[in-house]
PDB file of N, CA and C in Angstrom:
ATOM      1  N   MET A   1     -59.140 143.732 210.570  1.00  0.00           N
ATOM      2  CA  MET A   1     -58.671 143.625 209.125  1.00  0.00           C
ATOM      3  C   MET A   1     -59.760 143.294 208.427  1.00  0.00           C
ATOM      4  N   LYS A   2     -59.844 143.983 206.648  1.00  0.00           N
ATOM      5  CA  LYS A   2     -61.120 143.745 206.506  1.00  0.00           C
ATOM      6  C   LYS A   2     -60.712 142.329 205.196  1.00  0.00           C
ATOM      7  N   LYS A   3     -61.309 141.351 205.489  1.00  0.00           N
ATOM      8  CA  LYS A   3     -61.427 140.146 204.396  1.00  0.00           C
ATOM      9  C   LYS A   3     -62.192 140.918 203.248  1.00  0.00           C
ATOM     10  N   THR A   4     -61.321 140.571 202.675  1.00  0.00           N
ATOM     11  CA  THR A   4     -61.714 140.892 200.974  1.00  0.00           C
ATOM     12  C   THR A   4     -61.520 140.068 199.775  1.00  0.00           C
ATOM     13  N   LEU A   5     -62.855 140.335 199.240  1.00  0.00           N
ATOM     14  CA  LEU A   5     -62.887 139.340 197.822  1.00  0.00           C
ATOM     15  C   LEU A   5     -62.713 140.246 196.540  1.00  0.00           C
ATOM     16  N   VAL A   6     -61.551 139.721 195.993  1.00  0.00           N
ATOM     17  CA  VAL A   6     -61.375 139.879 195.021  1.00  0.00           C
ATOM     18  C   VAL A   6     -61.769 139.518 193.757  1.00  0.00           C
ATOM     19  N   ILE A   7     -62.479 140.141 192.760  1.00  0.00           N
ATOM     20  CA  ILE A   7     -63.280 139.245 191.783  1.00  0.00           C
ATOM     21  C   ILE A   7     -62.554 140.189 190.623  1.00  0.00           C
ATOM     22  N   GLY A   8     -61.998 138.859 189.671  1.00  0.00           N
ATOM     23  CA  GLY A   8     -61.733 139.214 188.289  1.00  0.00           C
ATOM     24  C   GLY A   8     -59.687 139.499 188.624  1.00  0.00           C
ATOM     25  N   ALA A   9     -59.410 138.256 189.701  1.00  0.00           N
ATOM     26  CA  ALA A   9     -57.745 138.105 190.039  1.00  0.00           C
ATOM     27  C   ALA A   9     -57.244 137.491 189.243  1.00  0.00           C
ATOM     28  N   THR A  10     -56.187 137.330 188.928  1.00  0.00           N
ATOM     29  CA  THR A  10     -55.217 137.088 188.196  1.00  0.00           C
ATOM     30  C   THR A  10     -53.577 136.907 188.580  1.00  0.00           C
ATOM     31  N   THR A  11     -53.182 136.254 187.544  1.00  0.00           N
ATOM     32  CA  THR A  11     -51.373 136.226 188.385  1.00  0.00           C
ATOM     33  C   THR A  11     -50.602 136.998 187.226  1.00  0.00           C
ATOM     34  N   ASN A  12     -51.110 137.520 186.679  1.00  0.00           N
ATOM     35  CA  ASN A  12     -50.850 138.728 185.661  1.00  0.00           C
ATOM     36  C   ASN A  12     -49.980 140.095 186.262  1.00  0.00           C
ATOM     37  N   PRO A  13     -48.756 140.098 186.624  1.00  0.00           N
ATOM     38  CA  PRO A  13     -48.227 141.194 187.458  1.00  0.00           C
ATOM     39  C   PRO A  13     -48.366 142.451 187.043  1.00  0.00           C
ATOM     40  N   GLU A  14     -48.483 142.541 185.477  1.00  0.00           N
ATOM     41  CA  GLU A  14     -49.430 144.128 184.794  1.00  0.00           C
ATOM     42  C   GLU A  14     -50.638 144.438 185.079  1.00  0.00           C
ATOM     43  N   ARG A  15     -51.683 143.627 185.644  1.00  0.00           N
ATOM     44  CA  ARG A  15     -52.742 144.003 185.697  1.00  0.00           C
ATOM     45  C   ARG A  15     -53.606 144.798 187.488  1.00  0.00           C
ATOM     46  N   TYR A  16     -53.981 145.241 187.561  1.00  0.00           N
ATOM     47  CA  TYR A  16     -54.492 145.980 188.614  1.00  0.00           C
ATOM     48  C   TYR A  16     -54.898 145.217 189.532  1.00  0.00           C
ATOM     49  N   ALA A  17     -55.635 144.022 189.057  1.00  0.00           N
ATOM     50  CA  ALA A  17     -56.053 142.987 190.500  1.00  0.00           C
ATOM     51  C   ALA A  17     -54.938 142.432 191.259  1.00  0.00           C
ATOM     52  N   TYR A  18     -54.103 142.090 190.127  1.00  0.00           N
ATOM     53  CA  TYR A  18     -52.658 141.016 190.533  1.00  0.00           C
ATOM     54  C   TYR A  18     -51.847 142.426 191.627  1.00  0.00           C
ATOM     55  N   MET A  19     -52.138 143.605 191.471  1.00  0.00           N
ATOM     56  CA  MET A  19     -51.468 144.321 192.315  1.00  0.00           C
ATOM     57  C   MET A  19     -52.694 144.757 193.484  1.00  0.00           C
ATOM     58  N   ALA A  20     -53.574 144.211 193.729  1.00  0.00           N
ATOM     59  CA  ALA A  20     -54.160 145.011 194.483  1.00  0.00           C
ATOM     60  C   ALA A  20     -54.346 143.686 195.694  1.00  0.00           C
ATOM     61  N   VAL A  21     -54.206 142.720 194.954  1.00  0.00           N
ATOM     62  CA  VAL A  21     -54.147 141.221 196.190  1.00  0.00           C
ATOM     63  C   VAL A  21     -53.015 141.323 196.927  1.00  0.00           C
ATOM     64  N   ASN A  22     -51.652 141.632 196.087  1.00  0.00           N
ATOM     65  CA  ASN A  22     -50.097 142.015 196.838  1.00  0.00           C
ATOM     66  C   ASN A  22     -50.703 142.946 197.767  1.00  0.00           C
ATOM     67  N   SER A  23     -51.287 144.538 197.753  1.00  0.00           N
ATOM     68  CA  SER A  23     -51.194 145.063 198.267  1.00  0.00           C
ATOM     69  C   SER A  23     -52.038 145.033 199.433  1.00  0.00           C
ATOM     70  N   LEU A  24     -53.018 144.360 199.228  1.00  0.00           N
ATOM     71  CA  LEU A  24     -54.111 143.412 200.617  1.00  0.00           C
ATOM     72  C   LEU A  24     -53.432 142.845 201.503  1.00  0.00           C
ATOM     73  N   LEU A  25     -52.691 141.732 200.863  1.00  0.00           N
ATOM     74  CA  LEU A  25     -51.475 140.830 201.893  1.00  0.00           C
ATOM     75  C   LEU A  25     -50.582 141.953 202.616  1.00  0.00           C
ATOM     76  N   GLU A  26     -49.495 143.058 201.513  1.00  0.00           N
ATOM     77  CA  GLU A  26     -48.947 143.656 202.289  1.00  0.00           C
ATOM     78  C   GLU A  26     -49.842 144.546 203.430  1.00  0.00           C
ATOM     79  N   LYS A  27     -50.763 144.513 203.705  1.00  0.00           N
ATOM     80  CA  LYS A  27     -51.731 145.697 204.420  1.00  0.00           C
ATOM     81  C   LYS A  27     -52.254 144.316 205.875  1.00  0.00           C
ATOM     82  N   GLU A  28     -52.131 142.781 205.739  1.00  0.00           N
ATOM     83  CA  GLU A  28     -52.784 142.160 206.437  1.00  0.00           C
ATOM     84  C   GLU A  28     -54.211 142.067 206.432  1.00  0.00           C
ATOM     85  N   HIS A  29     -54.761 142.070 204.964  1.00  0.00           N
ATOM     86  CA  HIS A  29     -55.890 142.064 205.081  1.00  0.00           C
ATOM     87  C   HIS A  29     -56.121 140.195 204.544  1.00  0.00           C
ATOM     88  N   PRO A  30     -56.789 140.243 205.343  1.00  0.00           N
ATOM     89  CA  PRO A  30     -57.389 138.382 204.786  1.00  0.00           C
ATOM     90  C   PRO A  30     -58.173 138.488 202.998  1.00  0.00           C
ATOM     91  N   VAL A  31     -57.261 137.481 202.219  1.00  0.00           N
ATOM     92  CA  VAL A  31     -57.936 137.693 200.880  1.00  0.00           C
ATOM     93  C   VAL A  31     -58.523 136.386 200.460  1.00  0.00           C
ATOM     94  N   VAL A  32     -59.532 136.424 199.470  1.00  0.00           N
ATOM     95  CA  VAL A  32     -59.602 135.685 198.368  1.00  0.00           C
ATOM     96  C   VAL A  32     -59.867 135.889 197.286  1.00  0.00           C
ATOM     97  N   ALA A  33     -60.407 135.363 196.344  1.00  0.00           N
ATOM     98  CA  ALA A  33     -60.252 135.793 194.798  1.00  0.00           C
ATOM     99  C   ALA A  33     -60.683 134.885 193.543  1.00  0.00           C
ATOM    100  N   ILE A  34     -61.423 135.169 193.008  1.00  0.00           N
ATOM    101  CA  ILE A  34     -62.152 134.841 192.321  1.00  0.00           C
ATOM    102  C   ILE A  34     -61.890 134.864 190.613  1.00  0.00           C
ATOM    103  N   GLY A  35     -61.216 134.329 189.844  1.00  0.00           N
ATOM    104  CA  GLY A  35     -60.808 134.834 188.963  1.00  0.00           C
ATOM    105  C   GLY A  35     -61.073 133.880 187.372  1.00  0.00           C
ATOM    106  N   LYS A  36     -60.545 134.137 186.261  1.00  0.00           N
ATOM    107  CA  LYS A  36     -60.764 133.146 184.961  1.00  0.00           C
ATOM    108  C   LYS A  36     -60.273 131.653 184.843  1.00  0.00           C
ATOM    109  N   LYS A  37     -59.283 131.591 185.756  1.00  0.00           N
ATOM    110  CA  LYS A  37     -58.406 130.461 186.112  1.00  0.00           C
ATOM    111  C   LYS A  37     -58.468 129.937 187.428  1.00  0.00           C
ATOM    112  N   ILE A  38     -57.902 128.368 187.603  1.00  0.00           N
ATOM    113  CA  ILE A  38     -57.888 128.591 189.195  1.00  0.00           C
ATOM    114  C   ILE A  38     -56.270 128.869 188.931  1.00  0.00           C
ATOM    115  N   ASP A  39     -55.798 129.235 190.077  1.00  0.00           N
ATOM    116  CA  ASP A  39     -54.433 129.955 190.295  1.00  0.00           C
ATOM    117  C   ASP A  39     -54.023 130.072 191.450  1.00  0.00           C
ATOM    118  N   GLU A  40     -53.102 130.002 191.855  1.00  0.00           N
ATOM    119  CA  GLU A  40     -52.539 131.072 193.152  1.00  0.00           C
ATOM    120  C   GLU A  40     -51.670 131.947 193.047  1.00  0.00           C
ATOM    121  N   LEU A  41     -51.744 132.852 193.873  1.00  0.00           N
ATOM    122  CA  LEU A  41     -50.927 134.167 194.301  1.00  0.00           C
ATOM    123  C   LEU A  41     -50.226 134.350 195.165  1.00  0.00           C
ATOM    124  N   LYS A  42     -49.164 134.300 195.800  1.00  0.00           N
ATOM    125  CA  LYS A  42     -48.618 134.297 197.049  1.00  0.00           C
ATOM    126  C   LYS A  42     -49.458 133.522 198.331  1.00  0.00           C
ATOM    127  N   GLY A  43     -49.778 132.108 197.600  1.00  0.00           N
ATOM    128  CA  GLY A  43     -50.999 131.507 198.682  1.00  0.00           C
ATOM    129  C   GLY A  43     -52.193 132.149 198.589  1.00  0.00           C
ATOM    130  N   VAL A  44     -52.713 132.757 197.839  1.00  0.00           N
ATOM    131  CA  VAL A  44     -53.926 133.025 197.756  1.00  0.00           C
ATOM    132  C   VAL A  44     -54.334 132.262 196.135  1.00  0.00           C
ATOM    133  N   LYS A  45     -55.495 131.323 196.979  1.00  0.00           N
ATOM    134  CA  LYS A  45     -55.791 130.452 196.033  1.00  0.00           C
ATOM    135  C   LYS A  45     -57.216 131.246 194.940  1.00  0.00           C
ATOM    136  N   ILE A  46     -57.436 131.435 194.096  1.00  0.00           N
ATOM    137  CA  ILE A  46     -57.613 131.967 192.863  1.00  0.00           C
ATOM    138  C   ILE A  46     -58.633 131.006 192.211  1.00  0.00           C
ATOM    139  N   GLN A  47     -60.062 131.101 192.735  1.00  0.00           N
ATOM    140  CA  GLN A  47     -61.173 130.097 192.417  1.00  0.00           C
ATOM    141  C   GLN A  47     -61.902 130.437 191.421  1.00  0.00           C
ATOM    142  N   VAL A  48     -62.338 129.620 190.897  1.00  0.00           N
ATOM    143  CA  VAL A  48     -63.097 129.935 189.397  1.00  0.00           C
ATOM    144  C   VAL A  48     -65.018 130.292 189.551  1.00  0.00           C
ATOM    145  N   LYS A  49     -65.622 129.593 190.845  1.00  0.00           N
ATOM    146  CA  LYS A  49     -66.561 129.020 190.872  1.00  0.00           C
ATOM    147  C   LYS A  49     -66.717 130.452 191.834  1.00  0.00           C
ATOM    148  N   GLN A  50     -68.404 130.770 192.227  1.00  0.00           N
ATOM    149  CA  GLN A  50     -68.822 131.433 193.407  1.00  0.00           C
ATOM    150  C   GLN A  50     -68.737 130.591 194.324  1.00  0.00           C
ATOM    151  N   ILE A  51     -67.533 130.731 195.324  1.00  0.00           N
ATOM    152  CA  ILE A  51     -67.647 129.787 196.236  1.00  0.00           C
ATOM    153  C   ILE A  51     -68.684 130.678 197.259  1.00  0.00           C
ATOM    154  N   PRO A  52     -69.316 130.068 198.413  1.00  0.00           N
ATOM    155  CA  PRO A  52     -70.130 131.164 199.320  1.00  0.00           C
ATOM    156  C   PRO A  52     -68.913 131.554 200.813  1.00  0.00           C
ATOM    157  N   PHE A  53     -68.197 132.006 200.245  1.00  0.00           N
ATOM    158  CA  PHE A  53     -66.933 132.613 201.656  1.00  0.00           C
ATOM    159  C   PHE A  53     -68.010 133.361 202.769  1.00  0.00           C
ATOM    160  N   LYS A  54     -67.218 133.140 203.990  1.00  0.00           N
ATOM    161  CA  LYS A  54     -68.095 133.736 204.806  1.00  0.00           C
ATOM    162  C   LYS A  54     -67.569 134.817 205.777  1.00  0.00           C
ATOM    163  N   ASN A  55     -68.237 136.012 206.348  1.00  0.00           N
ATOM    164  CA  ASN A  55     -67.214 137.076 206.909  1.00  0.00           C
ATOM    165  C   ASN A  55     -66.506 137.935 205.678  1.00  0.00           C
ATOM    166  N   ILE A  56     -67.251 138.107 204.585  1.00  0.00           N
ATOM    167  CA  ILE A  56     -66.502 138.977 203.565  1.00  0.00           C
ATOM    168  C   ILE A  56     -67.227 140.452 203.759  1.00  0.00           C
ATOM    169  N   HIS A  57     -66.203 141.473 204.316  1.00  0.00           N
ATOM    170  CA  HIS A  57     -66.130 143.195 204.537  1.00  0.00           C
ATOM    171  C   HIS A  57     -66.176 143.697 203.190  1.00  0.00           C
ATOM    172  N   THR A  58     -65.475 143.276 202.224  1.00  0.00           N
ATOM    173  CA  THR A  58     -65.150 143.962 201.127  1.00  0.00           C
ATOM    174  C   THR A  58     -65.045 143.281 199.831  1.00  0.00           C
ATOM    175  N   VAL A  59     -66.176 143.716 198.745  1.00  0.00           N
ATOM    176  CA  VAL A  59     -66.010 142.978 197.543  1.00  0.00           C
ATOM    177  C   VAL A  59     -64.971 143.998 196.563  1.00  0.00           C
ATOM    178  N   THR A  60     -64.248 143.722 196.217  1.00  0.00           N
ATOM    179  CA  THR A  60     -63.438 144.762 195.065  1.00  0.00           C
ATOM    180  C   THR A  60     -63.703 144.255 194.096  1.00  0.00           C
ATOM    181  N   LEU A  61     -64.338 145.047 192.806  1.00  0.00           N
ATOM    182  CA  LEU A  61     -64.398 144.636 191.339  1.00  0.00           C
ATOM    183  C   LEU A  61     -62.897 144.894 190.410  1.00  0.00           C
ATOM    184  N   TYR A  62     -62.780 143.867 189.670  1.00  0.00           N
ATOM    185  CA  TYR A  62     -61.965 144.131 188.152  1.00  0.00           C
ATOM    186  C   TYR A  62     -62.789 143.592 187.016  1.00  0.00           C
ATOM    187  N   ILE A  63     -63.997 143.554 187.391  1.00  0.00           N
ATOM    188  CA  ILE A  63     -63.996 142.910 186.036  1.00  0.00           C
ATOM    189  C   ILE A  63     -65.456 144.131 185.765  1.00  0.00           C
ATOM    190  N   ASN A  64     -65.489 144.210 184.150  1.00  0.00           N
ATOM    191  CA  ASN A  64     -66.382 144.963 183.087  1.00  0.00           C
ATOM    192  C   ASN A  64     -67.920 144.499 183.880  1.00  0.00           C
ATOM    193  N   PRO A  65     -68.907 145.942 183.761  1.00  0.00           N
ATOM    194  CA  PRO A  65     -70.404 145.645 184.015  1.00  0.00           C
ATOM    195  C   PRO A  65     -70.971 144.604 183.471  1.00  0.00           C
ATOM    196  N   VAL A  66     -70.366 144.413 182.370  1.00  0.00           N
ATOM    197  CA  VAL A  66     -71.385 143.309 181.599  1.00  0.00           C
ATOM    198  C   VAL A  66     -71.325 141.918 182.624  1.00  0.00           C
ATOM    199  N   ALA A  67     -69.706 141.689 182.805  1.00  0.00           N
ATOM    200  CA  ALA A  67     -69.237 140.594 183.462  1.00  0.00           C
ATOM    201  C   ALA A  67     -70.033 140.287 184.722  1.00  0.00           C
ATOM    202  N   GLN A  68     -70.468 141.570 185.470  1.00  0.00           N
ATOM    203  CA  GLN A  68     -70.555 141.788 186.391  1.00  0.00           C
ATOM    204  C   GLN A  68     -71.902 141.099 187.296  1.00  0.00           C
ATOM    205  N   ARG A  69     -72.713 141.457 186.102  1.00  0.00           N
ATOM    206  CA  ARG A  69     -74.163 140.571 185.829  1.00  0.00           C
ATOM    207  C   ARG A  69     -74.212 139.227 186.882  1.00  0.00           C
ATOM    208  N   ASP A  70     -73.128 138.389 186.218  1.00  0.00           N
ATOM    209  CA  ASP A  70     -73.337 137.198 186.251  1.00  0.00           C
ATOM    210  C   ASP A  70     -73.318 136.967 188.547  1.00  0.00           C
ATOM    211  N   TYR A  71     -72.724 138.334 188.564  1.00  0.00           N
ATOM    212  CA  TYR A  71     -72.540 138.194 190.124  1.00  0.00           C
ATOM    213  C   TYR A  71     -73.091 138.525 190.908  1.00  0.00           C
ATOM    214  N   TYR A  72     -74.107 139.365 190.545  1.00  0.00           N
ATOM    215  CA  TYR A  72     -75.134 140.331 191.401  1.00  0.00           C
ATOM    216  C   TYR A  72     -75.892 139.647 192.274  1.00  0.00           C
ATOM    217  N   ASN A  73     -76.566 138.522 192.176  1.00  0.00           N
ATOM    218  CA  ASN A  73     -77.023 137.996 193.258  1.00  0.00           C
ATOM    219  C   ASN A  73     -76.023 137.260 194.031  1.00  0.00           C
ATOM    220  N   TYR A  74     -74.884 136.771 193.902  1.00  0.00           N
ATOM    221  CA  TYR A  74     -73.650 135.882 194.643  1.00  0.00           C
ATOM    222  C   TYR A  74     -73.448 136.790 195.496  1.00  0.00           C
ATOM    223  N   ILE A  75     -72.928 138.456 194.565  1.00  0.00           N
ATOM    224  CA  ILE A  75     -72.286 139.456 195.999  1.00  0.00           C
ATOM    225  C   ILE A  75     -73.117 139.641 196.985  1.00  0.00           C
ATOM    226  N   ILE A  76     -74.227 140.378 196.114  1.00  0.00           N
ATOM    227  CA  ILE A  76     -75.828 140.238 197.362  1.00  0.00           C
ATOM    228  C   ILE A  76     -75.819 139.097 198.463  1.00  0.00           C
ATOM    229  N   GLY A  77     -75.588 138.332 198.233  1.00  0.00           N
ATOM    230  CA  GLY A  77     -75.466 137.227 198.975  1.00  0.00           C
ATOM    231  C   GLY A  77     -74.682 137.085 200.352  1.00  0.00           C
ATOM    232  N   LEU A  78     -73.543 137.130 199.517  1.00  0.00           N
ATOM    233  CA  LEU A  78     -72.348 137.216 200.644  1.00  0.00           C
ATOM    234  C   LEU A  78     -72.237 138.310 201.602  1.00  0.00           C
ATOM    235  N   LYS A  79     -73.184 139.272 201.521  1.00  0.00           N
ATOM    236  CA  LYS A  79     -73.790 140.428 202.677  1.00  0.00           C
ATOM    237  C   LYS A  79     -72.201 141.246 202.934  1.00  0.00           C
ATOM    238  N   PRO A  80     -71.458 142.004 201.738  1.00  0.00           N
ATOM    239  CA  PRO A  80     -70.829 142.487 201.906  1.00  0.00           C
ATOM    240  C   PRO A  80     -71.112 143.920 203.023  1.00  0.00           C
ATOM    241  N   LYS A  81     -69.820 144.821 203.829  1.00  0.00           N
ATOM    242  CA  LYS A  81     -70.824 146.026 203.511  1.00  0.00           C
ATOM    243  C   LYS A  81     -70.251 146.792 202.823  1.00  0.00           C
ATOM    244  N   ARG A  82     -69.689 146.536 202.011  1.00  0.00           N
ATOM    245  CA  ARG A  82     -69.428 147.530 200.547  1.00  0.00           C
ATOM    246  C   ARG A  82     -68.659 146.930 199.787  1.00  0.00           C
ATOM    247  N   VAL A  83     -69.018 147.321 198.467  1.00  0.00           N
ATOM    248  CA  VAL A  83     -68.197 146.904 197.722  1.00  0.00           C
ATOM    249  C   VAL A  83     -67.768 147.772 196.470  1.00  0.00           C
ATOM    250  N   ILE A  84     -66.499 147.559 196.011  1.00  0.00           N
ATOM    251  CA  ILE A  84     -65.614 149.018 195.723  1.00  0.00           C
ATOM    252  C   ILE A  84     -65.413 148.617 193.968  1.00  0.00           C
ATOM    253  N   PHE A  85     -66.007 150.091 193.500  1.00  0.00           N
ATOM    254  CA  PHE A  85     -65.657 150.001 191.787  1.00  0.00           C
ATOM    255  C   PHE A  85     -64.333 150.556 191.364  1.00  0.00           C
ATOM    256  N   ASN A  86     -63.793 149.840 191.343  1.00  0.00           N
ATOM    257  CA  ASN A  86     -62.577 150.267 191.024  1.00  0.00           C
ATOM    258  C   ASN A  86     -62.851 151.028 189.302  1.00  0.00           C
ATOM    259  N   PRO A  87     -62.044 151.574 188.835  1.00  0.00           N
ATOM    260  CA  PRO A  87     -62.043 152.130 187.466  1.00  0.00           C
ATOM    261  C   PRO A  87     -62.005 151.675 186.276  1.00  0.00           C
ATOM    262  N   GLY A  88     -63.107 152.257 185.659  1.00  0.00           N
ATOM    263  CA  GLY A  88     -63.846 150.964 184.761  1.00  0.00           C
ATOM    264  C   GLY A  88     -64.959 149.816 184.833  1.00  0.00           C
ATOM    265  N   THR A  89     -65.478 150.025 186.134  1.00  0.00           N
ATOM    266  CA  THR A  89     -65.970 149.522 186.347  1.00  0.00           C
ATOM    267  C   THR A  89     -67.748 149.563 186.872  1.00  0.00           C
ATOM    268  N   ALA A  90     -67.485 151.552 186.722  1.00  0.00           N
ATOM    269  CA  ALA A  90     -68.618 151.340 186.840  1.00  0.00           C
ATOM    270  C   ALA A  90     -69.960 151.062 187.112  1.00  0.00           C
ATOM    271  N   ASN A  91     -70.966 150.603 187.594  1.00  0.00           N
ATOM    272  CA  ASN A  91     -71.936 149.754 187.053  1.00  0.00           C
ATOM    273  C   ASN A  91     -73.244 150.781 187.615  1.00  0.00           C
ATOM    274  N   PRO A  92     -73.751 151.417 187.474  1.00  0.00           N
ATOM    275  CA  PRO A  92     -75.668 152.160 188.112  1.00  0.00           C
ATOM    276  C   PRO A  92     -76.087 150.861 188.566  1.00  0.00           C
ATOM    277  N   GLU A  93     -76.805 150.577 187.491  1.00  0.00           N
ATOM    278  CA  GLU A  93     -77.696 149.269 187.805  1.00  0.00           C
ATOM    279  C   GLU A  93     -77.343 148.194 188.902  1.00  0.00           C
ATOM    280  N   PHE A  94     -76.249 147.787 189.044  1.00  0.00           N
ATOM    281  CA  PHE A  94     -75.536 147.517 190.260  1.00  0.00           C
ATOM    282  C   PHE A  94     -75.493 148.225 191.533  1.00  0.00           C
ATOM    283  N   TYR A  95     -75.177 149.313 191.242  1.00  0.00           N
ATOM    284  CA  TYR A  95     -75.346 150.206 192.078  1.00  0.00           C
ATOM    285  C   TYR A  95     -76.613 150.455 193.359  1.00  0.00           C
ATOM    286  N   ALA A  96     -77.913 150.283 192.017  1.00  0.00           N
ATOM    287  CA  ALA A  96     -79.091 150.308 192.843  1.00  0.00           C
ATOM    288  C   ALA A  96     -79.435 149.276 193.670  1.00  0.00           C
ATOM    289  N   LEU A  97     -79.094 147.455 193.208  1.00  0.00           N
ATOM    290  CA  LEU A  97     -79.380 146.636 193.301  1.00  0.00           C
ATOM    291  C   LEU A  97     -78.749 146.539 195.321  1.00  0.00           C
ATOM    292  N   LEU A  98     -77.104 147.009 194.911  1.00  0.00           N
ATOM    293  CA  LEU A  98     -76.684 147.179 196.719  1.00  0.00           C
ATOM    294  C   LEU A  98     -77.132 147.896 197.519  1.00  0.00           C
ATOM    295  N   GLY A  99     -77.657 148.804 197.036  1.00  0.00           N
ATOM    296  CA  GLY A  99     -78.494 149.803 197.722  1.00  0.00           C
ATOM    297  C   GLY A  99     -79.593 149.549 198.523  1.00  0.00           C
ATOM    298  N   ILE A 100     -80.503 148.744 197.536  1.00  0.00           N
ATOM    299  CA  ILE A 100     -81.430 148.367 198.119  1.00  0.00           C
ATOM    300  C   ILE A 100     -81.204 146.951 198.945  1.00  0.00           C
ATOM    301  N   ASN A 101     -80.173 146.444 199.289  1.00  0.00           N
ATOM    302  CA  ASN A 101     -79.303 145.560 200.113  1.00  0.00           C
ATOM    303  C   ASN A 101     -78.767 145.992 201.128  1.00  0.00           C
ATOM    304  N   ASN A 102     -78.901 147.077 201.376  1.00  0.00           N
ATOM    305  CA  ASN A 102     -77.932 148.215 202.370  1.00  0.00           C
ATOM    306  C   ASN A 102     -76.439 148.122 202.543  1.00  0.00           C
ATOM    307  N   ILE A 103     -76.129 147.749 201.109  1.00  0.00           N
ATOM    308  CA  ILE A 103     -74.612 147.846 201.073  1.00  0.00           C
ATOM    309  C   ILE A 103     -73.938 148.912 200.142  1.00  0.00           C
ATOM    310  N   LYS A 104     -73.245 149.187 201.005  1.00  0.00           N
ATOM    311  CA  LYS A 104     -72.336 150.291 200.621  1.00  0.00           C
ATOM    312  C   LYS A 104     -71.255 150.233 199.201  1.00  0.00           C
ATOM    313  N   VAL A 105     -71.709 151.656 198.637  1.00  0.00           N
ATOM    314  CA  VAL A 105     -70.982 151.319 197.368  1.00  0.00           C
ATOM    315  C   VAL A 105     -69.877 152.370 197.351  1.00  0.00           C
ATOM    316  N   GLU A 106     -68.674 151.892 196.991  1.00  0.00           N
ATOM    317  CA  GLU A 106     -67.719 152.613 196.490  1.00  0.00           C
ATOM    318  C   GLU A 106     -66.960 152.819 195.371  1.00  0.00           C
ATOM    319  N   GLU A 107     -67.192 154.194 194.533  1.00  0.00           N
ATOM    320  CA  GLU A 107     -66.589 154.735 193.516  1.00  0.00           C
ATOM    321  C   GLU A 107     -64.501 154.292 194.008  1.00  0.00           C
ATOM    322  N   ALA A 108     -63.866 153.926 193.593  1.00  0.00           N
ATOM    323  CA  ALA A 108     -62.612 154.042 194.266  1.00  0.00           C
ATOM    324  C   ALA A 108     -61.670 153.263 193.747  1.00  0.00           C
ATOM    325  N   CYS A 109     -60.024 153.183 193.801  1.00  0.00           N
ATOM    326  CA  CYS A 109     -59.184 152.621 193.511  1.00  0.00           C
ATOM    327  C   CYS A 109     -58.827 152.030 194.543  1.00  0.00           C
ATOM    328  N   THR A 110     -59.030 150.742 194.813  1.00  0.00           N
ATOM    329  CA  THR A 110     -58.431 149.562 196.132  1.00  0.00           C
ATOM    330  C   THR A 110     -56.842 150.432 196.056  1.00  0.00           C
ATOM    331  N   LEU A 111     -56.016 150.320 195.410  1.00  0.00           N
ATOM    332  CA  LEU A 111     -54.567 150.490 195.403  1.00  0.00           C
ATOM    333  C   LEU A 111     -54.581 152.281 195.945  1.00  0.00           C
ATOM    334  N   VAL A 112     -55.620 152.840 195.457  1.00  0.00           N
ATOM    335  CA  VAL A 112     -55.151 154.410 196.206  1.00  0.00           C
ATOM    336  C   VAL A 112     -55.651 154.388 197.575  1.00  0.00           C
ATOM    337  N   LEU A 113     -57.218 153.245 198.033  1.00  0.00           N
ATOM    338  CA  LEU A 113     -57.580 153.497 199.124  1.00  0.00           C
ATOM    339  C   LEU A 113     -56.555 152.929 200.226  1.00  0.00           C
ATOM    340  N   LEU A 114     -55.599 152.051 199.608  1.00  0.00           N
ATOM    341  CA  LEU A 114     -54.830 151.054 200.333  1.00  0.00           C
ATOM    342  C   LEU A 114     -53.557 151.997 201.038  1.00  0.00           C
ATOM    343  N   SER A 115     -52.771 152.492 199.535  1.00  0.00           N
ATOM    344  CA  SER A 115     -52.110 153.290 200.089  1.00  0.00           C
ATOM    345  C   SER A 115     -51.755 154.502 200.734  1.00  0.00           C
ATOM    346  N   THR A 116     -53.351 155.077 200.655  1.00  0.00           N
ATOM    347  CA  THR A 116     -53.328 156.431 201.854  1.00  0.00           C
ATOM    348  C   THR A 116     -53.861 156.438 203.356  1.00  0.00           C
ATOM    349  N   ASN A 117     -53.946 154.557 203.199  1.00  0.00           N
ATOM    350  CA  ASN A 117     -54.793 154.383 204.884  1.00  0.00           C
ATOM    351  C   ASN A 117     -55.682 154.296 204.743  1.00  0.00           C
ATOM    352  N   GLN A 118     -57.261 154.910 203.585  1.00  0.00           N
ATOM    353  CA  GLN A 118     -58.152 154.633 203.886  1.00  0.00           C
ATOM    354  C   GLN A 118     -58.961 154.154 203.690  1.00  0.00           C
ATOM    355  N   TYR A 119     -58.373 152.449 203.357  1.00  0.00           N
ATOM    356  CA  TYR A 119     -58.842 151.178 203.169  1.00  0.00           C
ATOM    357  C   TYR A 119     -60.189 150.789 204.130  1.00  0.00           C
TER     358      TYR A 119
END
């Protein structure tokens, strides 16, 4: 199982980040989450601070490229195996930084990867 950090998490069921947390849990991946406000989604506490989580395999992004800048050093410091850039989050500047740090960049939809067993 791939411990996943969802950045941009929300309790709004109409948002893709919400659906991603649910799908990850359904596929039994451990999930941690950061969002705009402290909340809880199916037992996952949504944090607002950049918590130094351990053993993160995948970071999946649901925030725009401008907002991502506040997370560059944080994500690199977590040393994940990969960062998934969901539709609308493409960021070539961040791709370069991740590449320098040997972190795989994946332009994909987390929901599609999960539903097709390619996660």
